[in-house]
């Protein structure tokens, strides 16, 4: 079974948004979603809440990027922490 929790944290002063996921068979019925994360400082956290006997694989990739975000020397680079002001 697929049993997981997705947390979206948008800045230090906002409440996190949580999605609880359950599927009897993650291979036959995998979970896909699109999360809007406007601005900077967003964190997506994926937690496997299933027992250790049921490992999972997760990936987070950008669906699209804001034009202003991709300008400059950061185009195509991965930004850890979401802060580009350094």
PDB file of N, CA and C in Angstrom:
ATOM      1  N   UNK A   1       0.822  -1.201   0.000  1.00  0.00           N
ATOM      2  CA  UNK A   1       0.000   0.000   0.000  1.00  0.00           C
ATOM      3  C   UNK A   1       0.862   1.259   0.000  1.00  0.00           C
ATOM      4  N   UNK A   2       0.297   2.302  -0.555  1.00  0.00           N
ATOM      5  CA  UNK A   2       0.927   3.612  -0.544  1.00  0.00           C
ATOM      6  C   UNK A   2       0.263   4.426   0.550  1.00  0.00           C
ATOM      7  N   UNK A   3       1.047   4.837   1.526  1.00  0.00           N
ATOM      8  CA  UNK A   3       0.533   5.625   2.640  1.00  0.00           C
ATOM      9  C   UNK A   3       1.566   6.716   2.898  1.00  0.00           C
ATOM     10  N   UNK A   4       1.196   7.976   2.599  1.00  0.00           N
ATOM     11  CA  UNK A   4       2.165   9.057   2.697  1.00  0.00           C
ATOM     12  C   UNK A   4       1.475  10.369   3.055  1.00  0.00           C
ATOM     13  N   UNK A   5       2.317  11.356   3.363  1.00  0.00           N
ATOM     14  CA  UNK A   5       1.828  12.697   3.675  1.00  0.00           C
ATOM     15  C   UNK A   5       2.693  13.686   2.894  1.00  0.00           C
ATOM     16  N   UNK A   6       2.043  14.634   2.199  1.00  0.00           N
ATOM     17  CA  UNK A   6       2.738  15.704   1.490  1.00  0.00           C
ATOM     18  C   UNK A   6       2.471  16.990   2.246  1.00  0.00           C
ATOM     19  N   UNK A   7       3.540  17.705   2.582  1.00  0.00           N
ATOM     20  CA  UNK A   7       3.403  18.969   3.304  1.00  0.00           C
ATOM     21  C   UNK A   7       3.972  20.084   2.434  1.00  0.00           C
ATOM     22  N   UNK A   8       3.246  21.188   2.336  1.00  0.00           N
ATOM     23  CA  UNK A   8       3.702  22.366   1.608  1.00  0.00           C
ATOM     24  C   UNK A   8       3.846  23.497   2.602  1.00  0.00           C
ATOM     25  N   UNK A   9       5.077  23.966   2.779  1.00  0.00           N
ATOM     26  CA  UNK A   9       5.361  25.068   3.686  1.00  0.00           C
ATOM     27  C   UNK A   9       5.690  26.293   2.839  1.00  0.00           C
ATOM     28  N   UNK A  10       4.940  27.369   3.027  1.00  0.00           N
ATOM     29  CA  UNK A  10       5.133  28.591   2.254  1.00  0.00           C
ATOM     30  C   UNK A  10       5.521  29.724   3.198  1.00  0.00           C
ATOM     31  N   UNK A  11       6.792  29.815   3.495  1.00  0.00           N
ATOM     32  CA  UNK A  11       7.280  30.878   4.367  1.00  0.00           C
ATOM     33  C   UNK A  11       7.179  30.510   5.833  1.00  0.00           C
ATOM     34  N   UNK A  12       7.878  31.265   6.676  1.00  0.00           N
ATOM     35  CA  UNK A  12       7.936  30.916   8.101  1.00  0.00           C
ATOM     36  C   UNK A  12       6.674  31.270   8.890  1.00  0.00           C
ATOM     37  N   UNK A  13       5.845  32.169   8.403  1.00  0.00           N
ATOM     38  CA  UNK A  13       4.697  32.630   9.188  1.00  0.00           C
ATOM     39  C   UNK A  13       3.363  32.050   8.734  1.00  0.00           C
ATOM     40  N   UNK A  14       3.363  31.109   7.826  1.00  0.00           N
ATOM     41  CA  UNK A  14       2.131  30.516   7.324  1.00  0.00           C
ATOM     42  C   UNK A  14       1.966  29.095   7.843  1.00  0.00           C
ATOM     43  N   UNK A  15       0.720  28.663   7.962  1.00  0.00           N
ATOM     44  CA  UNK A  15       0.444  27.273   8.329  1.00  0.00           C
ATOM     45  C   UNK A  15       0.775  26.370   7.154  1.00  0.00           C
ATOM     46  N   UNK A  16       1.287  25.182   7.436  1.00  0.00           N
ATOM     47  CA  UNK A  16       1.586  24.257   6.354  1.00  0.00           C
ATOM     48  C   UNK A  16       0.301  23.617   5.850  1.00  0.00           C
ATOM     49  N   UNK A  17       0.286  23.326   4.558  1.00  0.00           N
ATOM     50  CA  UNK A  17      -0.833  22.632   3.937  1.00  0.00           C
ATOM     51  C   UNK A  17      -0.440  21.159   3.826  1.00  0.00           C
ATOM     52  N   UNK A  18      -1.363  20.272   4.162  1.00  0.00           N
ATOM     53  CA  UNK A  18      -1.055  18.846   4.241  1.00  0.00           C
ATOM     54  C   UNK A  18      -2.026  18.050   3.391  1.00  0.00           C
ATOM     55  N   UNK A  19      -1.490  17.084   2.652  1.00  0.00           N
ATOM     56  CA  UNK A  19      -2.295  16.126   1.887  1.00  0.00           C
ATOM     57  C   UNK A  19      -1.951  14.744   2.420  1.00  0.00           C
ATOM     58  N   UNK A  20      -2.949  14.011   2.881  1.00  0.00           N
ATOM     59  CA  UNK A  20      -2.763  12.621   3.314  1.00  0.00           C
ATOM     60  C   UNK A  20      -3.127  11.715   2.142  1.00  0.00           C
ATOM     61  N   UNK A  21      -2.261  10.761   1.821  1.00  0.00           N
ATOM     62  CA  UNK A  21      -2.460   9.896   0.658  1.00  0.00           C
ATOM     63  C   UNK A  21      -2.543   8.446   1.108  1.00  0.00           C
ATOM     64  N   UNK A  22      -3.524   7.731   0.553  1.00  0.00           N
ATOM     65  CA  UNK A  22      -3.602   6.289   0.775  1.00  0.00           C
ATOM     66  C   UNK A  22      -4.063   5.629  -0.512  1.00  0.00           C
ATOM     67  N   UNK A  23      -3.382   4.580  -0.915  1.00  0.00           N
ATOM     68  CA  UNK A  23      -3.778   3.765  -2.056  1.00  0.00           C
ATOM     69  C   UNK A  23      -3.430   2.323  -1.720  1.00  0.00           C
ATOM     70  N   UNK A  24      -4.309   1.420  -2.034  1.00  0.00           N
ATOM     71  CA  UNK A  24      -4.078   0.014  -1.721  1.00  0.00           C
ATOM     72  C   UNK A  24      -2.889  -0.541  -2.502  1.00  0.00           C
ATOM     73  N   UNK A  25      -2.678  -0.054  -3.728  1.00  0.00           N
ATOM     74  CA  UNK A  25      -1.566  -0.528  -4.547  1.00  0.00           C
ATOM     75  C   UNK A  25      -0.959   0.662  -5.292  1.00  0.00           C
ATOM     76  N   UNK A  26       0.191   1.129  -4.850  1.00  0.00           N
ATOM     77  CA  UNK A  26       0.833   2.286  -5.459  1.00  0.00           C
ATOM     78  C   UNK A  26       1.382   2.020  -6.850  1.00  0.00           C
ATOM     79  N   UNK A  27       1.654   0.746  -7.191  1.00  0.00           N
ATOM     80  CA  UNK A  27       2.120   0.429  -8.541  1.00  0.00           C
ATOM     81  C   UNK A  27       0.985   0.524  -9.546  1.00  0.00           C
ATOM     82  N   UNK A  28      -0.170  -0.007  -9.211  1.00  0.00           N
ATOM     83  CA  UNK A  28      -1.321   0.042 -10.125  1.00  0.00           C
ATOM     84  C   UNK A  28      -1.983   1.415 -10.141  1.00  0.00           C
ATOM     85  N   UNK A  29      -2.003   2.088  -9.014  1.00  0.00           N
ATOM     86  CA  UNK A  29      -2.657   3.394  -8.897  1.00  0.00           C
ATOM     87  C   UNK A  29      -1.716   4.393  -8.225  1.00  0.00           C
ATOM     88  N   UNK A  30      -0.694   4.872  -8.965  1.00  0.00           N
ATOM     89  CA  UNK A  30       0.229   5.854  -8.374  1.00  0.00           C
ATOM     90  C   UNK A  30      -0.448   7.199  -8.176  1.00  0.00           C
ATOM     91  N   UNK A  31       0.144   8.045  -7.368  1.00  0.00           N
ATOM     92  CA  UNK A  31      -0.414   9.360  -7.062  1.00  0.00           C
ATOM     93  C   UNK A  31       0.414  10.441  -7.749  1.00  0.00           C
ATOM     94  N   UNK A  32      -0.267  11.340  -8.463  1.00  0.00           N
ATOM     95  CA  UNK A  32       0.354  12.493  -9.092  1.00  0.00           C
ATOM     96  C   UNK A  32      -0.437  13.724  -8.705  1.00  0.00           C
ATOM     97  N   UNK A  33       0.238  14.854  -8.498  1.00  0.00           N
ATOM     98  CA  UNK A  33      -0.480  16.097  -8.239  1.00  0.00           C
ATOM     99  C   UNK A  33       0.367  17.281  -8.674  1.00  0.00           C
ATOM    100  N   UNK A  34      -0.293  18.421  -8.858  1.00  0.00           N
ATOM    101  CA  UNK A  34       0.378  19.674  -9.182  1.00  0.00           C
ATOM    102  C   UNK A  34       0.079  20.646  -8.051  1.00  0.00           C
ATOM    103  N   UNK A  35       1.120  21.191  -7.441  1.00  0.00           N
ATOM    104  CA  UNK A  35       0.976  22.146  -6.342  1.00  0.00           C
ATOM    105  C   UNK A  35       1.454  23.507  -6.821  1.00  0.00           C
ATOM    106  N   UNK A  36       0.626  24.523  -6.647  1.00  0.00           N
ATOM    107  CA  UNK A  36       1.060  25.877  -6.971  1.00  0.00           C
ATOM    108  C   UNK A  36       1.876  26.417  -5.809  1.00  0.00           C
ATOM    109  N   UNK A  37       3.067  26.919  -6.105  1.00  0.00           N
ATOM    110  CA  UNK A  37       3.946  27.465  -5.079  1.00  0.00           C
ATOM    111  C   UNK A  37       4.404  28.851  -5.508  1.00  0.00           C
ATOM    112  N   UNK A  38       3.540  29.852  -5.413  1.00  0.00           N
ATOM    113  CA  UNK A  38       3.925  31.197  -5.861  1.00  0.00           C
ATOM    114  C   UNK A  38       4.980  31.809  -4.950  1.00  0.00           C
ATOM    115  N   UNK A  39       5.839  32.615  -5.544  1.00  0.00           N
ATOM    116  CA  UNK A  39       6.872  33.292  -4.761  1.00  0.00           C
ATOM    117  C   UNK A  39       8.052  32.387  -4.459  1.00  0.00           C
ATOM    118  N   UNK A  40       8.853  32.814  -3.499  1.00  0.00           N
ATOM    119  CA  UNK A  40      10.039  32.051  -3.103  1.00  0.00           C
ATOM    120  C   UNK A  40       9.877  31.547  -1.674  1.00  0.00           C
ATOM    121  N   UNK A  41      10.761  30.687  -1.262  1.00  0.00           N
ATOM    122  CA  UNK A  41      10.744  30.188   0.108  1.00  0.00           C
ATOM    123  C   UNK A  41       9.776  29.052   0.347  1.00  0.00           C
ATOM    124  N   UNK A  42       9.365  28.343  -0.701  1.00  0.00           N
ATOM    125  CA  UNK A  42       8.430  27.225  -0.560  1.00  0.00           C
ATOM    126  C   UNK A  42       9.202  25.926  -0.358  1.00  0.00           C
ATOM    127  N   UNK A  43       8.660  25.065   0.486  1.00  0.00           N
ATOM    128  CA  UNK A  43       9.271  23.767   0.750  1.00  0.00           C
ATOM    129  C   UNK A  43       8.196  22.700   0.598  1.00  0.00           C
ATOM    130  N   UNK A  44       8.510  21.650  -0.179  1.00  0.00           N
ATOM    131  CA  UNK A  44       7.626  20.497  -0.309  1.00  0.00           C
ATOM    132  C   UNK A  44       8.293  19.350   0.436  1.00  0.00           C
ATOM    133  N   UNK A  45       7.577  18.784   1.386  1.00  0.00           N
ATOM    134  CA  UNK A  45       8.108  17.681   2.199  1.00  0.00           C
ATOM    135  C   UNK A  45       7.221  16.465   1.987  1.00  0.00           C
ATOM    136  N   UNK A  46       7.828  15.318   1.690  1.00  0.00           N
ATOM    137  CA  UNK A  46       7.091  14.074   1.480  1.00  0.00           C
ATOM    138  C   UNK A  46       7.526  13.083   2.542  1.00  0.00           C
ATOM    139  N   UNK A  47       6.554  12.556   3.292  1.00  0.00           N
ATOM    140  CA  UNK A  47       6.842  11.642   4.403  1.00  0.00           C
ATOM    141  C   UNK A  47       6.135  10.318   4.136  1.00  0.00           C
ATOM    142  N   UNK A  48       6.884   9.221   4.169  1.00  0.00           N
ATOM    143  CA  UNK A  48       6.300   7.890   4.051  1.00  0.00           C
ATOM    144  C   UNK A  48       5.754   7.495   5.420  1.00  0.00           C
ATOM    145  N   UNK A  49       4.439   7.375   5.533  1.00  0.00           N
ATOM    146  CA  UNK A  49       3.826   7.013   6.810  1.00  0.00           C
ATOM    147  C   UNK A  49       3.470   5.528   6.879  1.00  0.00           C
ATOM    148  N   UNK A  50       3.883   4.767   5.863  1.00  0.00           N
ATOM    149  CA  UNK A  50       3.647   3.323   5.853  1.00  0.00           C
ATOM    150  C   UNK A  50       4.718   2.622   6.691  1.00  0.00           C
ATOM    151  N   UNK A  51       4.473   1.376   7.079  1.00  0.00           N
ATOM    152  CA  UNK A  51       5.503   0.614   7.792  1.00  0.00           C
ATOM    153  C   UNK A  51       6.746   0.428   6.922  1.00  0.00           C
ATOM    154  N   UNK A  52       7.837   0.066   7.541  1.00  0.00           N
ATOM    155  CA  UNK A  52       9.115  -0.062   6.849  1.00  0.00           C
ATOM    156  C   UNK A  52       9.071  -1.129   5.752  1.00  0.00           C
ATOM    157  N   UNK A  53       8.141  -2.063   5.831  1.00  0.00           N
ATOM    158  CA  UNK A  53       8.031  -3.117   4.816  1.00  0.00           C
ATOM    159  C   UNK A  53       7.524  -2.579   3.489  1.00  0.00           C
ATOM    160  N   UNK A  54       7.024  -1.345   3.462  1.00  0.00           N
ATOM    161  CA  UNK A  54       6.444  -0.764   2.250  1.00  0.00           C
ATOM    162  C   UNK A  54       7.189   0.532   1.898  1.00  0.00           C
ATOM    163  N   UNK A  55       8.379   0.410   1.298  1.00  0.00           N
ATOM    164  CA  UNK A  55       9.109   1.623   0.909  1.00  0.00           C
ATOM    165  C   UNK A  55       8.419   2.318  -0.263  1.00  0.00           C
ATOM    166  N   UNK A  56       8.762   3.571  -0.491  1.00  0.00           N
ATOM    167  CA  UNK A  56       8.183   4.307  -1.614  1.00  0.00           C
ATOM    168  C   UNK A  56       9.263   5.147  -2.271  1.00  0.00           C
ATOM    169  N   UNK A  57       8.996   5.519  -3.506  1.00  0.00           N
ATOM    170  CA  UNK A  57       9.856   6.418  -4.260  1.00  0.00           C
ATOM    171  C   UNK A  57       9.056   7.664  -4.574  1.00  0.00           C
ATOM    172  N   UNK A  58       9.646   8.843  -4.350  1.00  0.00           N
ATOM    173  CA  UNK A  58       8.945  10.102  -4.601  1.00  0.00           C
ATOM    174  C   UNK A  58       9.850  11.041  -5.375  1.00  0.00           C
ATOM    175  N   UNK A  59       9.237  11.908  -6.152  1.00  0.00           N
ATOM    176  CA  UNK A  59       9.986  12.906  -6.900  1.00  0.00           C
ATOM    177  C   UNK A  59       9.224  14.209  -6.948  1.00  0.00           C
ATOM    178  N   UNK A  60       9.952  15.309  -6.892  1.00  0.00           N
ATOM    179  CA  UNK A  60       9.367  16.646  -7.008  1.00  0.00           C
ATOM    180  C   UNK A  60      10.110  17.356  -8.121  1.00  0.00           C
ATOM    181  N   UNK A  61       9.410  17.717  -9.181  1.00  0.00           N
ATOM    182  CA  UNK A  61      10.019  18.411 -10.323  1.00  0.00           C
ATOM    183  C   UNK A  61       9.167  19.621 -10.682  1.00  0.00           C
ATOM    184  N   UNK A  62       9.789  20.677 -11.210  1.00  0.00           N
ATOM    185  CA  UNK A  62       9.001  21.849 -11.607  1.00  0.00           C
ATOM    186  C   UNK A  62       8.196  21.554 -12.861  1.00  0.00           C
ATOM    187  N   UNK A  63       6.915  21.937 -12.844  1.00  0.00           N
ATOM    188  CA  UNK A  63       6.076  21.788 -14.027  1.00  0.00           C
ATOM    189  C   UNK A  63       6.332  22.946 -14.988  1.00  0.00           C
ATOM    190  N   UNK A  64       6.461  24.136 -14.438  1.00  0.00           N
ATOM    191  CA  UNK A  64       6.820  25.323 -15.205  1.00  0.00           C
ATOM    192  C   UNK A  64       7.447  26.308 -14.238  1.00  0.00           C
ATOM    193  N   UNK A  65       8.131  27.286 -14.795  1.00  0.00           N
ATOM    194  CA  UNK A  65       8.791  28.278 -13.957  1.00  0.00           C
ATOM    195  C   UNK A  65       8.382  29.665 -14.402  1.00  0.00           C
ATOM    196  N   UNK A  66       8.309  30.572 -13.467  1.00  0.00           N
ATOM    197  CA  UNK A  66       8.027  31.962 -13.731  1.00  0.00           C
ATOM    198  C   UNK A  66       9.137  32.535 -14.600  1.00  0.00           C
ATOM    199  N   UNK A  67       8.790  33.370 -15.600  1.00  0.00           N
ATOM    200  CA  UNK A  67       9.807  33.947 -16.488  1.00  0.00           C
ATOM    201  C   UNK A  67      10.830  34.758 -15.715  1.00  0.00           C
ATOM    202  N   UNK A  68      10.418  35.526 -14.731  1.00  0.00           N
ATOM    203  CA  UNK A  68      11.342  36.334 -13.951  1.00  0.00           C
ATOM    204  C   UNK A  68      12.284  35.495 -13.118  1.00  0.00           C
ATOM    205  N   UNK A  69      11.849  34.317 -12.735  1.00  0.00           N
ATOM    206  CA  UNK A  69      12.669  33.431 -11.911  1.00  0.00           C
ATOM    207  C   UNK A  69      13.811  32.826 -12.718  1.00  0.00           C
ATOM    208  N   UNK A  70      13.573  32.569 -14.014  1.00  0.00           N
ATOM    209  CA  UNK A  70      14.560  31.869 -14.836  1.00  0.00           C
ATOM    210  C   UNK A  70      15.580  32.813 -15.465  1.00  0.00           C
ATOM    211  N   UNK A  71      15.502  34.103 -15.205  1.00  0.00           N
ATOM    212  CA  UNK A  71      16.447  35.037 -15.792  1.00  0.00           C
ATOM    213  C   UNK A  71      17.755  35.048 -15.032  1.00  0.00           C
ATOM    214  N   UNK A  72      18.806  35.525 -15.687  1.00  0.00           N
ATOM    215  CA  UNK A  72      20.087  35.685 -15.015  1.00  0.00           C
ATOM    216  C   UNK A  72      20.887  34.395 -14.983  1.00  0.00           C
ATOM    217  N   UNK A  73      21.851  34.338 -14.084  1.00  0.00           N
ATOM    218  CA  UNK A  73      22.743  33.183 -14.012  1.00  0.00           C
ATOM    219  C   UNK A  73      22.097  31.978 -13.360  1.00  0.00           C
ATOM    220  N   UNK A  74      20.861  32.113 -12.874  1.00  0.00           N
ATOM    221  CA  UNK A  74      20.193  31.006 -12.196  1.00  0.00           C
ATOM    222  C   UNK A  74      19.383  30.143 -13.149  1.00  0.00           C
ATOM    223  N   UNK A  75      19.322  30.481 -14.428  1.00  0.00           N
ATOM    224  CA  UNK A  75      18.479  29.754 -15.380  1.00  0.00           C
ATOM    225  C   UNK A  75      18.877  28.286 -15.414  1.00  0.00           C
ATOM    226  N   UNK A  76      17.955  27.428 -15.058  1.00  0.00           N
ATOM    227  CA  UNK A  76      18.180  25.992 -15.096  1.00  0.00           C
ATOM    228  C   UNK A  76      18.875  25.428 -13.878  1.00  0.00           C
ATOM    229  N   UNK A  77      19.337  26.264 -12.957  1.00  0.00           N
ATOM    230  CA  UNK A  77      20.018  25.773 -11.765  1.00  0.00           C
ATOM    231  C   UNK A  77      19.014  25.363 -10.702  1.00  0.00           C
ATOM    232  N   UNK A  78      19.373  24.398  -9.901  1.00  0.00           N
ATOM    233  CA  UNK A  78      18.552  24.014  -8.752  1.00  0.00           C
ATOM    234  C   UNK A  78      18.884  24.954  -7.608  1.00  0.00           C
ATOM    235  N   UNK A  79      17.851  25.504  -6.986  1.00  0.00           N
ATOM    236  CA  UNK A  79      18.040  26.442  -5.876  1.00  0.00           C
ATOM    237  C   UNK A  79      17.592  25.754  -4.600  1.00  0.00           C
ATOM    238  N   UNK A  80      18.513  25.416  -3.722  1.00  0.00           N
ATOM    239  CA  UNK A  80      18.180  24.781  -2.465  1.00  0.00           C
ATOM    240  C   UNK A  80      17.786  25.857  -1.466  1.00  0.00           C
ATOM    241  N   UNK A  81      16.680  25.668  -0.808  1.00  0.00           N
ATOM    242  CA  UNK A  81      16.215  26.639   0.157  1.00  0.00           C
ATOM    243  C   UNK A  81      15.359  27.732  -0.451  1.00  0.00           C
ATOM    244  N   UNK A  82      15.378  27.886  -1.774  1.00  0.00           N
ATOM    245  CA  UNK A  82      14.516  28.824  -2.462  1.00  0.00           C
ATOM    246  C   UNK A  82      14.927  30.272  -2.360  1.00  0.00           C
ATOM    247  N   UNK A  83      16.056  30.594  -1.772  1.00  0.00           N
ATOM    248  CA  UNK A  83      16.470  31.986  -1.618  1.00  0.00           C
ATOM    249  C   UNK A  83      17.526  32.310  -2.668  1.00  0.00           C
ATOM    250  N   UNK A  84      17.205  33.261  -3.542  1.00  0.00           N
ATOM    251  CA  UNK A  84      18.134  33.618  -4.614  1.00  0.00           C
ATOM    252  C   UNK A  84      18.845  34.936  -4.347  1.00  0.00           C
ATOM    253  N   UNK A  85      18.729  35.503  -3.159  1.00  0.00           N
ATOM    254  CA  UNK A  85      19.287  36.821  -2.875  1.00  0.00           C
ATOM    255  C   UNK A  85      20.752  36.776  -2.437  1.00  0.00           C
ATOM    256  N   UNK A  86      21.373  35.618  -2.341  1.00  0.00           N
ATOM    257  CA  UNK A  86      22.759  35.559  -1.891  1.00  0.00           C
ATOM    258  C   UNK A  86      23.621  35.903  -3.044  1.00  0.00           C
TER     259      UNK A  86
END
